[in-house]
Amino acid sequence: MRLSWIPIATTLVVAAIALPAHAGGLVEVKFVKSDLYSDIGFNSFDRQRTLERIAEHIKGYGARLPDDRTLKVEVLDIDLAGELIPMRRLGDIRVLKGSVDWPRMHLRWTLSASDGANLQSGDDWLKDMAYLMRTPRHGSIDGLAYDLRLLDEWFAQRFGAAAPQ
C-alpha cells in the first residue's frame, strides 16, 4: 500500500493555516495636551502628521509584547530633533545642529495583563543628547528618524524586547 504525499501535504498546510498566529499585545497611545508640546511642527498639518507617525510607530511595539499584555502610553511632551526654521516658499526646514536641539519626549505608561492587573508603570523623560553621533535605524530620509530611534531604545530598555524594524 502506497500513500500519496499530496493529501498529507494538503492536511499539513490546512493545519498550519488554522493555527493562530502570534498577534502580540495591544498598545494604546494618547497625546495629552498636544497643543502645548515643545516642538512638533508649526502648522496644523505638520503637527497632525507628526503625531500620527509617532502613534503608528509606538503601536507597532505591540507585536513585541505577549498576547495578553496591554501597554498604554500617554505622550506628555515632544521636542523633536533639530530646530524648525520657517520658510515662506519652500515650506519649513528642520536643521540638525547637534547642540541643544536633541530629541526629547516625556512619556507616562502602564503595562497591564489581560485581567486588568497593573504589571508595571512609569513616567519617563527620554532624551538623546548625542543623537547625531549615531546613524538612525529608520534612515535619514524619515524626518523623524532620530525621534523614532529614541522611542525604540526606550522600548527595548523598558521591556527587554527589540523594537520592530
Protein backbone atom coordinates (compact mmCIF):
# COMPACT_ATOMS: atom_id res chain seq x y z
CA MET A 1 0.00 0.00 0.00
CA ARG A 2 1.47 3.27 -1.11
CA LEU A 3 0.47 6.62 0.44
CA SER A 4 0.30 9.68 -1.73
CA TRP A 5 2.10 12.71 -0.34
CA ILE A 6 -0.44 15.20 -1.76
CA PRO A 7 -3.24 14.56 0.79
CA ILE A 8 -0.71 14.58 3.62
CA ALA A 9 0.85 17.85 2.45
CA THR A 10 -2.58 19.40 1.99
CA THR A 11 -3.57 18.38 5.51
CA LEU A 12 -0.38 19.91 6.95
CA VAL A 13 -0.92 23.18 5.09
CA VAL A 14 -4.53 23.43 6.26
CA ALA A 15 -3.44 22.68 9.84
CA ALA A 16 -0.74 25.34 9.70
CA ILE A 17 -3.19 27.93 8.41
CA ALA A 18 -5.67 27.04 11.16
CA LEU A 19 -3.12 27.67 13.92
CA PRO A 20 -3.44 31.16 15.41
CA ALA A 21 -0.59 33.48 14.51
CA HIS A 22 1.19 35.43 17.22
CA ALA A 23 -0.70 38.70 17.13
CA GLY A 24 1.14 40.28 20.02
CA GLY A 25 -0.12 42.61 22.67
CA LEU A 26 -2.13 45.79 22.36
CA VAL A 27 -0.66 49.28 22.50
CA GLU A 28 -2.80 52.36 23.10
CA VAL A 29 -1.39 55.85 22.55
CA LYS A 30 -2.84 59.08 23.91
CA PHE A 31 -1.43 62.55 23.29
CA VAL A 32 -2.07 64.74 26.32
CA LYS A 33 -2.46 68.48 25.58
CA SER A 34 -0.56 68.19 22.29
CA ASP A 35 -1.19 71.87 21.53
CA LEU A 36 1.29 72.64 24.36
CA TYR A 37 4.12 70.38 23.13
CA SER A 38 7.54 71.99 22.82
CA ASP A 39 8.12 71.19 19.14
CA ILE A 40 6.11 69.05 16.73
CA GLY A 41 5.86 71.49 13.83
CA PHE A 42 4.46 74.93 13.09
CA ASN A 43 1.30 74.34 11.12
CA SER A 44 -1.60 72.06 11.99
CA PHE A 45 -0.95 69.71 9.04
CA ASP A 46 2.66 69.03 10.11
CA ARG A 47 1.66 68.67 13.75
CA GLN A 48 -1.07 66.14 12.91
CA ARG A 49 1.21 64.18 10.56
CA THR A 50 3.94 64.04 13.22
CA LEU A 51 1.54 62.78 15.89
CA GLU A 52 0.09 60.16 13.56
CA ARG A 53 3.57 58.90 12.62
CA ILE A 54 4.66 58.68 16.27
CA ALA A 55 1.41 56.94 17.30
CA GLU A 56 1.77 54.42 14.46
CA HIS A 57 5.35 53.70 15.50
CA ILE A 58 4.51 53.21 19.17
CA LYS A 59 1.54 50.97 18.32
CA GLY A 60 3.96 48.78 16.33
CA TYR A 61 5.55 47.74 19.61
CA GLY A 62 2.50 45.58 20.28
CA ALA A 63 4.00 42.89 18.04
CA ARG A 64 6.84 42.56 20.56
CA LEU A 65 4.58 42.17 23.59
CA PRO A 66 2.97 38.92 24.75
CA ASP A 67 -0.61 38.37 23.55
CA ASP A 68 -2.11 39.02 26.97
CA ARG A 69 -0.45 42.40 27.58
CA THR A 70 -1.68 45.95 27.02
CA LEU A 71 0.68 48.90 27.00
CA LYS A 72 -0.94 52.31 27.48
CA VAL A 73 1.33 55.23 26.58
CA GLU A 74 0.47 58.85 27.32
CA VAL A 75 2.71 61.28 25.48
CA LEU A 76 3.04 64.37 27.68
CA ASP A 77 5.59 66.37 25.66
CA ILE A 78 7.65 66.13 22.48
CA ASP A 79 10.62 68.19 21.35
CA LEU A 80 11.77 66.83 18.00
CA ALA A 81 15.42 66.61 16.98
CA GLY A 82 16.66 69.74 15.30
CA GLU A 83 15.31 73.24 15.07
CA LEU A 84 12.42 74.12 12.82
CA ILE A 85 13.08 77.16 10.66
CA PRO A 86 10.05 78.60 8.89
CA MET A 87 10.43 79.28 5.17
CA ARG A 88 7.85 81.06 3.07
CA ARG A 89 8.10 79.35 -0.31
CA LEU A 90 9.79 76.02 0.33
CA GLY A 91 7.96 75.00 3.47
CA ASP A 92 9.51 74.65 6.89
CA ILE A 93 13.02 73.21 7.17
CA ARG A 94 14.31 71.22 10.15
CA VAL A 95 18.00 71.95 10.78
CA LEU A 96 20.03 69.47 12.86
CA LYS A 97 22.93 71.13 14.66
CA GLY A 98 23.68 68.61 17.39
CA SER A 99 23.98 71.15 20.18
CA VAL A 100 20.89 71.88 22.29
CA ASP A 101 18.42 70.58 19.70
CA TRP A 102 18.45 66.91 20.71
CA PRO A 103 15.21 64.89 20.67
CA ARG A 104 13.26 64.76 23.93
CA MET A 105 9.99 63.15 24.95
CA HIS A 106 8.04 62.78 28.16
CA LEU A 107 6.00 59.57 28.46
CA ARG A 108 3.75 58.12 31.14
CA TRP A 109 2.98 54.45 30.61
CA THR A 110 1.30 51.40 32.10
CA LEU A 111 1.74 47.75 31.17
CA SER A 112 -1.17 45.55 32.23
CA ALA A 113 -2.29 41.95 31.92
CA SER A 114 -5.46 40.80 30.16
CA ASP A 115 -7.26 40.67 33.52
CA GLY A 116 -6.53 44.38 34.02
CA ALA A 117 -3.80 43.89 36.63
CA ASN A 118 -1.16 46.61 36.52
CA LEU A 119 2.20 44.89 35.93
CA GLN A 120 4.47 47.94 35.52
CA SER A 121 4.14 51.67 35.13
CA GLY A 122 6.41 54.63 34.82
CA ASP A 123 6.94 58.27 33.98
CA ASP A 124 9.99 58.61 31.71
CA TRP A 125 11.85 61.56 30.28
CA LEU A 126 13.63 60.42 27.10
CA LYS A 127 16.49 62.31 25.52
CA ASP A 128 19.42 61.63 23.22
CA MET A 129 22.00 64.37 23.60
CA ALA A 130 24.39 62.64 21.17
CA TYR A 131 21.78 61.89 18.53
CA LEU A 132 23.96 62.95 15.58
CA MET A 133 26.82 60.65 16.62
CA ARG A 134 24.93 57.51 15.52
CA THR A 135 23.10 56.57 12.35
CA PRO A 136 19.36 56.23 12.87
CA ARG A 137 17.81 52.84 12.05
CA HIS A 138 14.95 54.39 10.16
CA GLY A 139 17.17 56.15 7.64
CA SER A 140 17.86 59.83 7.29
CA ILE A 141 15.03 60.23 4.76
CA ASP A 142 12.45 59.96 7.52
CA GLY A 143 12.17 63.37 9.17
CA LEU A 144 11.58 61.64 12.49
CA ALA A 145 14.44 59.14 12.30
CA TYR A 146 16.22 60.32 15.46
CA ASP A 147 12.99 60.66 17.39
CA LEU A 148 11.80 57.17 16.45
CA ARG A 149 15.19 55.74 17.43
CA LEU A 150 14.77 57.41 20.82
CA LEU A 151 11.45 55.58 21.24
CA ASP A 152 12.94 52.27 20.05
CA GLU A 153 15.73 52.48 22.62
CA TRP A 154 13.25 53.33 25.38
CA PHE A 155 11.06 50.37 24.46
CA ALA A 156 14.00 47.94 24.32
CA GLN A 157 15.35 49.17 27.66
CA ARG A 158 11.98 49.13 29.45
CA PHE A 159 10.51 45.92 28.07
CA GLY A 160 13.60 43.96 27.01
CA ALA A 161 12.28 43.44 23.51
CA ALA A 162 13.75 44.70 20.28
CA ALA A 163 11.63 47.28 18.54
CA PRO A 164 10.19 46.45 15.12
CA GLN A 165 12.43 47.36 12.22
